[in-house]
């Protein structure tokens, strides 16, 4: 038996990531350079993360801020698939 935790997301053939939150499938598209530029002047790591997730999913910032912590964590973990984007 493997000790690895099962991922809560699926990597799609087009490079996007899908995560199921409640009864909704949310797709996080692969970031492009303009996504990085959109958050370049933001100082707060939390605001950067929420803004990026909004840009990459099409969800509004208000929708993301309304998620339970558990669901936000699932979405955030799926978004970390692209973590090298912020390095």
PDB file of N, CA and C in Angstrom:
ATOM      1  N   UNK A   1       0.845  -1.175   0.000  1.00  0.00           N
ATOM      2  CA  UNK A   1       0.000   0.000   0.000  1.00  0.00           C
ATOM      3  C   UNK A   1       0.887   1.233   0.000  1.00  0.00           C
ATOM      4  N   UNK A   2       0.552   2.219  -0.793  1.00  0.00           N
ATOM      5  CA  UNK A   2       1.344   3.433  -0.919  1.00  0.00           C
ATOM      6  C   UNK A   2       1.032   4.411   0.212  1.00  0.00           C
ATOM      7  N   UNK A   3       2.056   5.118   0.657  1.00  0.00           N
ATOM      8  CA  UNK A   3       1.874   6.145   1.676  1.00  0.00           C
ATOM      9  C   UNK A   3       1.541   7.494   1.059  1.00  0.00           C
ATOM     10  N   UNK A   4       1.582   7.595  -0.262  1.00  0.00           N
ATOM     11  CA  UNK A   4       1.310   8.867  -0.924  1.00  0.00           C
ATOM     12  C   UNK A   4      -0.164   9.242  -0.786  1.00  0.00           C
ATOM     13  N   UNK A   5      -0.400  10.511  -0.484  1.00  0.00           N
ATOM     14  CA  UNK A   5      -1.771  11.020  -0.395  1.00  0.00           C
ATOM     15  C   UNK A   5      -2.328  11.181  -1.804  1.00  0.00           C
ATOM     16  N   UNK A   6      -3.547  10.780  -1.987  1.00  0.00           N
ATOM     17  CA  UNK A   6      -4.203  10.930  -3.271  1.00  0.00           C
ATOM     18  C   UNK A   6      -4.424  12.409  -3.549  1.00  0.00           C
ATOM     19  N   UNK A   7      -4.098  12.838  -4.751  1.00  0.00           N
ATOM     20  CA  UNK A   7      -4.315  14.227  -5.139  1.00  0.00           C
ATOM     21  C   UNK A   7      -5.801  14.476  -5.310  1.00  0.00           C
ATOM     22  N   UNK A   8      -6.216  15.693  -4.956  1.00  0.00           N
ATOM     23  CA  UNK A   8      -7.616  16.089  -5.112  1.00  0.00           C
ATOM     24  C   UNK A   8      -7.888  16.703  -6.478  1.00  0.00           C
ATOM     25  N   UNK A   9      -6.921  16.603  -7.384  1.00  0.00           N
ATOM     26  CA  UNK A   9      -7.105  17.207  -8.699  1.00  0.00           C
ATOM     27  C   UNK A   9      -6.585  16.276  -9.785  1.00  0.00           C
ATOM     28  N   UNK A  10      -6.974  16.591 -11.021  1.00  0.00           N
ATOM     29  CA  UNK A  10      -6.565  15.809 -12.184  1.00  0.00           C
ATOM     30  C   UNK A  10      -5.896  16.758 -13.165  1.00  0.00           C
ATOM     31  N   UNK A  11      -4.758  16.350 -13.701  1.00  0.00           N
ATOM     32  CA  UNK A  11      -4.085  17.124 -14.737  1.00  0.00           C
ATOM     33  C   UNK A  11      -4.655  16.694 -16.078  1.00  0.00           C
ATOM     34  N   UNK A  12      -5.166  17.654 -16.827  1.00  0.00           N
ATOM     35  CA  UNK A  12      -5.785  17.379 -18.118  1.00  0.00           C
ATOM     36  C   UNK A  12      -4.743  17.405 -19.237  1.00  0.00           C
ATOM     37  N   UNK A  13      -5.084  16.829 -20.381  1.00  0.00           N
ATOM     38  CA  UNK A  13      -4.169  16.739 -21.522  1.00  0.00           C
ATOM     39  C   UNK A  13      -3.714  18.114 -22.009  1.00  0.00           C
ATOM     40  N   UNK A  14      -4.548  19.128 -21.847  1.00  0.00           N
ATOM     41  CA  UNK A  14      -4.193  20.476 -22.323  1.00  0.00           C
ATOM     42  C   UNK A  14      -3.343  21.251 -21.320  1.00  0.00           C
ATOM     43  N   UNK A  15      -2.966  20.617 -20.204  1.00  0.00           N
ATOM     44  CA  UNK A  15      -2.141  21.270 -19.200  1.00  0.00           C
ATOM     45  C   UNK A  15      -2.920  21.920 -18.076  1.00  0.00           C
ATOM     46  N   UNK A  16      -4.232  22.007 -18.236  1.00  0.00           N
ATOM     47  CA  UNK A  16      -5.058  22.566 -17.171  1.00  0.00           C
ATOM     48  C   UNK A  16      -5.227  21.523 -16.063  1.00  0.00           C
ATOM     49  N   UNK A  17      -5.794  21.966 -14.952  1.00  0.00           N
ATOM     50  CA  UNK A  17      -6.019  21.094 -13.805  1.00  0.00           C
ATOM     51  C   UNK A  17      -7.490  21.185 -13.436  1.00  0.00           C
ATOM     52  N   UNK A  18      -8.116  20.067 -13.130  1.00  0.00           N
ATOM     53  CA  UNK A  18      -9.508  20.051 -12.692  1.00  0.00           C
ATOM     54  C   UNK A  18      -9.593  19.583 -11.250  1.00  0.00           C
ATOM     55  N   UNK A  19     -10.431  20.271 -10.482  1.00  0.00           N
ATOM     56  CA  UNK A  19     -10.643  19.914  -9.088  1.00  0.00           C
ATOM     57  C   UNK A  19     -12.144  19.952  -8.824  1.00  0.00           C
ATOM     58  N   UNK A  20     -12.633  18.978  -8.082  1.00  0.00           N
ATOM     59  CA  UNK A  20     -14.059  18.933  -7.762  1.00  0.00           C
ATOM     60  C   UNK A  20     -14.266  19.554  -6.384  1.00  0.00           C
ATOM     61  N   UNK A  21     -15.111  20.572  -6.348  1.00  0.00           N
ATOM     62  CA  UNK A  21     -15.449  21.231  -5.094  1.00  0.00           C
ATOM     63  C   UNK A  21     -16.963  21.172  -4.965  1.00  0.00           C
ATOM     64  N   UNK A  22     -17.390  20.503  -3.902  1.00  0.00           N
ATOM     65  CA  UNK A  22     -18.809  20.189  -3.715  1.00  0.00           C
ATOM     66  C   UNK A  22     -19.289  19.455  -4.957  1.00  0.00           C
ATOM     67  N   UNK A  23     -20.255  19.971  -5.679  1.00  0.00           N
ATOM     68  CA  UNK A  23     -20.764  19.268  -6.862  1.00  0.00           C
ATOM     69  C   UNK A  23     -20.307  19.928  -8.162  1.00  0.00           C
ATOM     70  N   UNK A  24     -19.307  20.802  -8.061  1.00  0.00           N
ATOM     71  CA  UNK A  24     -18.868  21.577  -9.213  1.00  0.00           C
ATOM     72  C   UNK A  24     -17.431  21.212  -9.594  1.00  0.00           C
ATOM     73  N   UNK A  25     -17.211  20.949 -10.890  1.00  0.00           N
ATOM     74  CA  UNK A  25     -15.861  20.744 -11.408  1.00  0.00           C
ATOM     75  C   UNK A  25     -15.285  22.094 -11.795  1.00  0.00           C
ATOM     76  N   UNK A  26     -14.155  22.443 -11.223  1.00  0.00           N
ATOM     77  CA  UNK A  26     -13.512  23.719 -11.513  1.00  0.00           C
ATOM     78  C   UNK A  26     -12.226  23.425 -12.264  1.00  0.00           C
ATOM     79  N   UNK A  27     -12.031  24.121 -13.379  1.00  0.00           N
ATOM     80  CA  UNK A  27     -10.825  23.959 -14.174  1.00  0.00           C
ATOM     81  C   UNK A  27      -9.915  25.156 -13.940  1.00  0.00           C
ATOM     82  N   UNK A  28      -8.660  24.862 -13.663  1.00  0.00           N
ATOM     83  CA  UNK A  28      -7.644  25.894 -13.507  1.00  0.00           C
ATOM     84  C   UNK A  28      -6.777  25.817 -14.756  1.00  0.00           C
ATOM     85  N   UNK A  29      -6.860  26.835 -15.590  1.00  0.00           N
ATOM     86  CA  UNK A  29      -6.079  26.805 -16.828  1.00  0.00           C
ATOM     87  C   UNK A  29      -4.609  27.043 -16.526  1.00  0.00           C
ATOM     88  N   UNK A  30      -3.773  26.633 -17.457  1.00  0.00           N
ATOM     89  CA  UNK A  30      -2.342  26.857 -17.295  1.00  0.00           C
ATOM     90  C   UNK A  30      -2.057  28.351 -17.377  1.00  0.00           C
ATOM     91  N   UNK A  31      -1.254  28.879 -16.457  1.00  0.00           N
ATOM     92  CA  UNK A  31      -0.962  30.320 -16.463  1.00  0.00           C
ATOM     93  C   UNK A  31      -0.138  30.741 -17.674  1.00  0.00           C
ATOM     94  N   UNK A  32      -0.321  31.990 -18.050  1.00  0.00           N
ATOM     95  CA  UNK A  32       0.503  32.612 -19.086  1.00  0.00           C
ATOM     96  C   UNK A  32       1.198  33.824 -18.460  1.00  0.00           C
ATOM     97  N   UNK A  33       2.116  34.411 -19.185  1.00  0.00           N
ATOM     98  CA  UNK A  33       2.913  35.508 -18.651  1.00  0.00           C
ATOM     99  C   UNK A  33       2.041  36.650 -18.143  1.00  0.00           C
ATOM    100  N   UNK A  34       0.956  36.969 -18.842  1.00  0.00           N
ATOM    101  CA  UNK A  34       0.113  38.094 -18.401  1.00  0.00           C
ATOM    102  C   UNK A  34      -0.514  37.842 -17.029  1.00  0.00           C
ATOM    103  N   UNK A  35      -0.679  36.574 -16.660  1.00  0.00           N
ATOM    104  CA  UNK A  35      -1.190  36.267 -15.315  1.00  0.00           C
ATOM    105  C   UNK A  35      -0.163  36.666 -14.259  1.00  0.00           C
ATOM    106  N   UNK A  36       1.088  36.414 -14.546  1.00  0.00           N
ATOM    107  CA  UNK A  36       2.168  36.810 -13.620  1.00  0.00           C
ATOM    108  C   UNK A  36       2.240  38.333 -13.512  1.00  0.00           C
ATOM    109  N   UNK A  37       2.122  38.997 -14.634  1.00  0.00           N
ATOM    110  CA  UNK A  37       2.177  40.461 -14.641  1.00  0.00           C
ATOM    111  C   UNK A  37       0.994  41.073 -13.893  1.00  0.00           C
ATOM    112  N   UNK A  38      -0.144  40.402 -13.928  1.00  0.00           N
ATOM    113  CA  UNK A  38      -1.353  40.918 -13.270  1.00  0.00           C
ATOM    114  C   UNK A  38      -1.203  40.997 -11.759  1.00  0.00           C
ATOM    115  N   UNK A  39      -0.309  40.219 -11.183  1.00  0.00           N
ATOM    116  CA  UNK A  39      -0.130  40.220  -9.728  1.00  0.00           C
ATOM    117  C   UNK A  39       1.242  40.753  -9.300  1.00  0.00           C
ATOM    118  N   UNK A  40       1.990  41.281 -10.251  1.00  0.00           N
ATOM    119  CA  UNK A  40       3.365  41.700  -9.980  1.00  0.00           C
ATOM    120  C   UNK A  40       3.478  42.765  -8.897  1.00  0.00           C
ATOM    121  N   UNK A  41       2.521  43.669  -8.799  1.00  0.00           N
ATOM    122  CA  UNK A  41       2.607  44.768  -7.833  1.00  0.00           C
ATOM    123  C   UNK A  41       1.869  44.494  -6.528  1.00  0.00           C
ATOM    124  N   UNK A  42       1.277  43.315  -6.390  1.00  0.00           N
ATOM    125  CA  UNK A  42       0.535  42.976  -5.172  1.00  0.00           C
ATOM    126  C   UNK A  42       1.519  42.488  -4.123  1.00  0.00           C
ATOM    127  N   UNK A  43       1.423  43.042  -2.923  1.00  0.00           N
ATOM    128  CA  UNK A  43       2.369  42.706  -1.843  1.00  0.00           C
ATOM    129  C   UNK A  43       1.927  41.499  -1.019  1.00  0.00           C
ATOM    130  N   UNK A  44       0.646  41.319  -0.823  1.00  0.00           N
ATOM    131  CA  UNK A  44       0.123  40.258   0.037  1.00  0.00           C
ATOM    132  C   UNK A  44       0.101  38.919  -0.701  1.00  0.00           C
ATOM    133  N   UNK A  45       0.756  37.922  -0.126  1.00  0.00           N
ATOM    134  CA  UNK A  45       0.775  36.588  -0.717  1.00  0.00           C
ATOM    135  C   UNK A  45      -0.643  36.032  -0.837  1.00  0.00           C
ATOM    136  N   UNK A  46      -1.487  36.289   0.165  1.00  0.00           N
ATOM    137  CA  UNK A  46      -2.869  35.796   0.130  1.00  0.00           C
ATOM    138  C   UNK A  46      -3.641  36.418  -1.025  1.00  0.00           C
ATOM    139  N   UNK A  47      -3.480  37.718  -1.218  1.00  0.00           N
ATOM    140  CA  UNK A  47      -4.190  38.405  -2.305  1.00  0.00           C
ATOM    141  C   UNK A  47      -3.661  37.945  -3.657  1.00  0.00           C
ATOM    142  N   UNK A  48      -2.357  37.705  -3.746  1.00  0.00           N
ATOM    143  CA  UNK A  48      -1.793  37.165  -4.995  1.00  0.00           C
ATOM    144  C   UNK A  48      -2.445  35.828  -5.317  1.00  0.00           C
ATOM    145  N   UNK A  49      -2.513  34.938  -4.335  1.00  0.00           N
ATOM    146  CA  UNK A  49      -3.074  33.603  -4.563  1.00  0.00           C
ATOM    147  C   UNK A  49      -4.541  33.674  -4.984  1.00  0.00           C
ATOM    148  N   UNK A  50      -5.323  34.463  -4.281  1.00  0.00           N
ATOM    149  CA  UNK A  50      -6.748  34.569  -4.602  1.00  0.00           C
ATOM    150  C   UNK A  50      -6.938  35.205  -5.976  1.00  0.00           C
ATOM    151  N   UNK A  51      -6.161  36.231  -6.282  1.00  0.00           N
ATOM    152  CA  UNK A  51      -6.264  36.894  -7.588  1.00  0.00           C
ATOM    153  C   UNK A  51      -5.882  35.949  -8.716  1.00  0.00           C
ATOM    154  N   UNK A  52      -4.791  35.214  -8.540  1.00  0.00           N
ATOM    155  CA  UNK A  52      -4.387  34.244  -9.562  1.00  0.00           C
ATOM    156  C   UNK A  52      -5.439  33.161  -9.760  1.00  0.00           C
ATOM    157  N   UNK A  53      -5.935  32.623  -8.651  1.00  0.00           N
ATOM    158  CA  UNK A  53      -6.967  31.588  -8.774  1.00  0.00           C
ATOM    159  C   UNK A  53      -8.205  32.127  -9.475  1.00  0.00           C
ATOM    160  N   UNK A  54      -8.555  33.356  -9.200  1.00  0.00           N
ATOM    161  CA  UNK A  54      -9.692  33.976  -9.883  1.00  0.00           C
ATOM    162  C   UNK A  54      -9.418  34.087 -11.382  1.00  0.00           C
ATOM    163  N   UNK A  55      -8.236  34.601 -11.727  1.00  0.00           N
ATOM    164  CA  UNK A  55      -7.879  34.742 -13.142  1.00  0.00           C
ATOM    165  C   UNK A  55      -7.852  33.401 -13.868  1.00  0.00           C
ATOM    166  N   UNK A  56      -7.343  32.389 -13.201  1.00  0.00           N
ATOM    167  CA  UNK A  56      -7.130  31.098 -13.860  1.00  0.00           C
ATOM    168  C   UNK A  56      -8.367  30.207 -13.894  1.00  0.00           C
ATOM    169  N   UNK A  57      -9.353  30.498 -13.044  1.00  0.00           N
ATOM    170  CA  UNK A  57     -10.568  29.670 -13.011  1.00  0.00           C
ATOM    171  C   UNK A  57     -11.790  30.352 -13.607  1.00  0.00           C
ATOM    172  N   UNK A  58     -11.772  31.673 -13.660  1.00  0.00           N
ATOM    173  CA  UNK A  58     -12.963  32.406 -14.090  1.00  0.00           C
ATOM    174  C   UNK A  58     -13.926  32.660 -12.944  1.00  0.00           C
ATOM    175  N   UNK A  59     -13.587  32.176 -11.746  1.00  0.00           N
ATOM    176  CA  UNK A  59     -14.403  32.478 -10.568  1.00  0.00           C
ATOM    177  C   UNK A  59     -14.109  33.902 -10.123  1.00  0.00           C
ATOM    178  N   UNK A  60     -15.081  34.552  -9.521  1.00  0.00           N
ATOM    179  CA  UNK A  60     -14.826  35.889  -9.002  1.00  0.00           C
ATOM    180  C   UNK A  60     -14.067  35.788  -7.684  1.00  0.00           C
ATOM    181  N   UNK A  61     -13.432  36.873  -7.319  1.00  0.00           N
ATOM    182  CA  UNK A  61     -12.748  36.920  -6.027  1.00  0.00           C
ATOM    183  C   UNK A  61     -13.763  36.698  -4.910  1.00  0.00           C
ATOM    184  N   UNK A  62     -14.950  37.286  -5.031  1.00  0.00           N
ATOM    185  CA  UNK A  62     -15.997  37.083  -4.018  1.00  0.00           C
ATOM    186  C   UNK A  62     -16.380  35.619  -3.895  1.00  0.00           C
ATOM    187  N   UNK A  63     -16.487  34.914  -5.021  1.00  0.00           N
ATOM    188  CA  UNK A  63     -16.817  33.485  -4.965  1.00  0.00           C
ATOM    189  C   UNK A  63     -15.733  32.712  -4.218  1.00  0.00           C
ATOM    190  N   UNK A  64     -14.485  32.993  -4.522  1.00  0.00           N
ATOM    191  CA  UNK A  64     -13.381  32.289  -3.863  1.00  0.00           C
ATOM    192  C   UNK A  64     -13.351  32.628  -2.375  1.00  0.00           C
ATOM    193  N   UNK A  65     -13.541  33.896  -2.034  1.00  0.00           N
ATOM    194  CA  UNK A  65     -13.539  34.296  -0.624  1.00  0.00           C
ATOM    195  C   UNK A  65     -14.684  33.665   0.152  1.00  0.00           C
ATOM    196  N   UNK A  66     -15.730  33.232  -0.530  1.00  0.00           N
ATOM    197  CA  UNK A  66     -16.869  32.591   0.110  1.00  0.00           C
ATOM    198  C   UNK A  66     -16.712  31.088   0.314  1.00  0.00           C
ATOM    199  N   UNK A  67     -15.632  30.514  -0.210  1.00  0.00           N
ATOM    200  CA  UNK A  67     -15.397  29.079  -0.026  1.00  0.00           C
ATOM    201  C   UNK A  67     -15.119  28.780   1.442  1.00  0.00           C
ATOM    202  N   UNK A  68     -15.488  27.595   1.863  1.00  0.00           N
ATOM    203  CA  UNK A  68     -15.043  27.132   3.179  1.00  0.00           C
ATOM    204  C   UNK A  68     -13.527  26.982   3.110  1.00  0.00           C
ATOM    205  N   UNK A  69     -12.891  26.976   4.270  1.00  0.00           N
ATOM    206  CA  UNK A  69     -11.436  26.832   4.283  1.00  0.00           C
ATOM    207  C   UNK A  69     -11.011  25.518   3.636  1.00  0.00           C
ATOM    208  N   UNK A  70     -11.760  24.448   3.896  1.00  0.00           N
ATOM    209  CA  UNK A  70     -11.444  23.136   3.326  1.00  0.00           C
ATOM    210  C   UNK A  70     -11.485  23.189   1.794  1.00  0.00           C
ATOM    211  N   UNK A  71     -12.520  23.806   1.236  1.00  0.00           N
ATOM    212  CA  UNK A  71     -12.628  23.892  -0.219  1.00  0.00           C
ATOM    213  C   UNK A  71     -11.592  24.837  -0.821  1.00  0.00           C
ATOM    214  N   UNK A  72     -11.311  25.936  -0.118  1.00  0.00           N
ATOM    215  CA  UNK A  72     -10.271  26.838  -0.597  1.00  0.00           C
ATOM    216  C   UNK A  72      -8.920  26.113  -0.623  1.00  0.00           C
ATOM    217  N   UNK A  73      -8.671  25.312   0.396  1.00  0.00           N
ATOM    218  CA  UNK A  73      -7.418  24.560   0.453  1.00  0.00           C
ATOM    219  C   UNK A  73      -7.319  23.584  -0.725  1.00  0.00           C
ATOM    220  N   UNK A  74      -8.408  22.913  -1.068  1.00  0.00           N
ATOM    221  CA  UNK A  74      -8.408  22.001  -2.222  1.00  0.00           C
ATOM    222  C   UNK A  74      -8.075  22.756  -3.504  1.00  0.00           C
ATOM    223  N   UNK A  75      -8.720  23.915  -3.685  1.00  0.00           N
ATOM    224  CA  UNK A  75      -8.470  24.713  -4.880  1.00  0.00           C
ATOM    225  C   UNK A  75      -7.026  25.207  -4.897  1.00  0.00           C
ATOM    226  N   UNK A  76      -6.565  25.662  -3.759  1.00  0.00           N
ATOM    227  CA  UNK A  76      -5.199  26.159  -3.636  1.00  0.00           C
ATOM    228  C   UNK A  76      -4.177  25.064  -3.923  1.00  0.00           C
ATOM    229  N   UNK A  77      -4.401  23.880  -3.387  1.00  0.00           N
ATOM    230  CA  UNK A  77      -3.487  22.750  -3.623  1.00  0.00           C
ATOM    231  C   UNK A  77      -3.448  22.388  -5.109  1.00  0.00           C
ATOM    232  N   UNK A  78      -4.583  22.424  -5.761  1.00  0.00           N
ATOM    233  CA  UNK A  78      -4.618  22.147  -7.194  1.00  0.00           C
ATOM    234  C   UNK A  78      -3.836  23.236  -7.949  1.00  0.00           C
ATOM    235  N   UNK A  79      -3.988  24.473  -7.504  1.00  0.00           N
ATOM    236  CA  UNK A  79      -3.258  25.570  -8.129  1.00  0.00           C
ATOM    237  C   UNK A  79      -1.753  25.461  -7.938  1.00  0.00           C
ATOM    238  N   UNK A  80      -1.335  24.811  -6.858  1.00  0.00           N
ATOM    239  CA  UNK A  80       0.099  24.622  -6.607  1.00  0.00           C
ATOM    240  C   UNK A  80       0.761  23.729  -7.657  1.00  0.00           C
ATOM    241  N   UNK A  81      -0.055  23.048  -8.450  1.00  0.00           N
ATOM    242  CA  UNK A  81       0.489  22.265  -9.560  1.00  0.00           C
ATOM    243  C   UNK A  81       1.367  23.175 -10.434  1.00  0.00           C
ATOM    244  N   UNK A  82       1.026  24.462 -10.459  1.00  0.00           N
ATOM    245  CA  UNK A  82       1.764  25.438 -11.264  1.00  0.00           C
ATOM    246  C   UNK A  82       2.723  26.266 -10.417  1.00  0.00           C
ATOM    247  N   UNK A  83       3.172  25.730  -9.291  1.00  0.00           N
ATOM    248  CA  UNK A  83       3.963  26.517  -8.329  1.00  0.00           C
ATOM    249  C   UNK A  83       5.231  27.115  -8.926  1.00  0.00           C
ATOM    250  N   UNK A  84       5.843  26.482  -9.899  1.00  0.00           N
ATOM    251  CA  UNK A  84       7.054  27.039 -10.483  1.00  0.00           C
ATOM    252  C   UNK A  84       6.773  28.353 -11.198  1.00  0.00           C
ATOM    253  N   UNK A  85       5.518  28.613 -11.505  1.00  0.00           N
ATOM    254  CA  UNK A  85       5.102  29.842 -12.163  1.00  0.00           C
ATOM    255  C   UNK A  85       5.446  31.065 -11.316  1.00  0.00           C
ATOM    256  N   UNK A  86       5.436  30.920  -9.986  1.00  0.00           N
ATOM    257  CA  UNK A  86       5.689  32.039  -9.095  1.00  0.00           C
ATOM    258  C   UNK A  86       7.140  32.156  -8.655  1.00  0.00           C
ATOM    259  N   UNK A  87       7.966  31.201  -9.035  1.00  0.00           N
ATOM    260  CA  UNK A  87       9.388  31.256  -8.625  1.00  0.00           C
ATOM    261  C   UNK A  87      10.139  32.356  -9.345  1.00  0.00           C
TER     262      UNK A  87
END
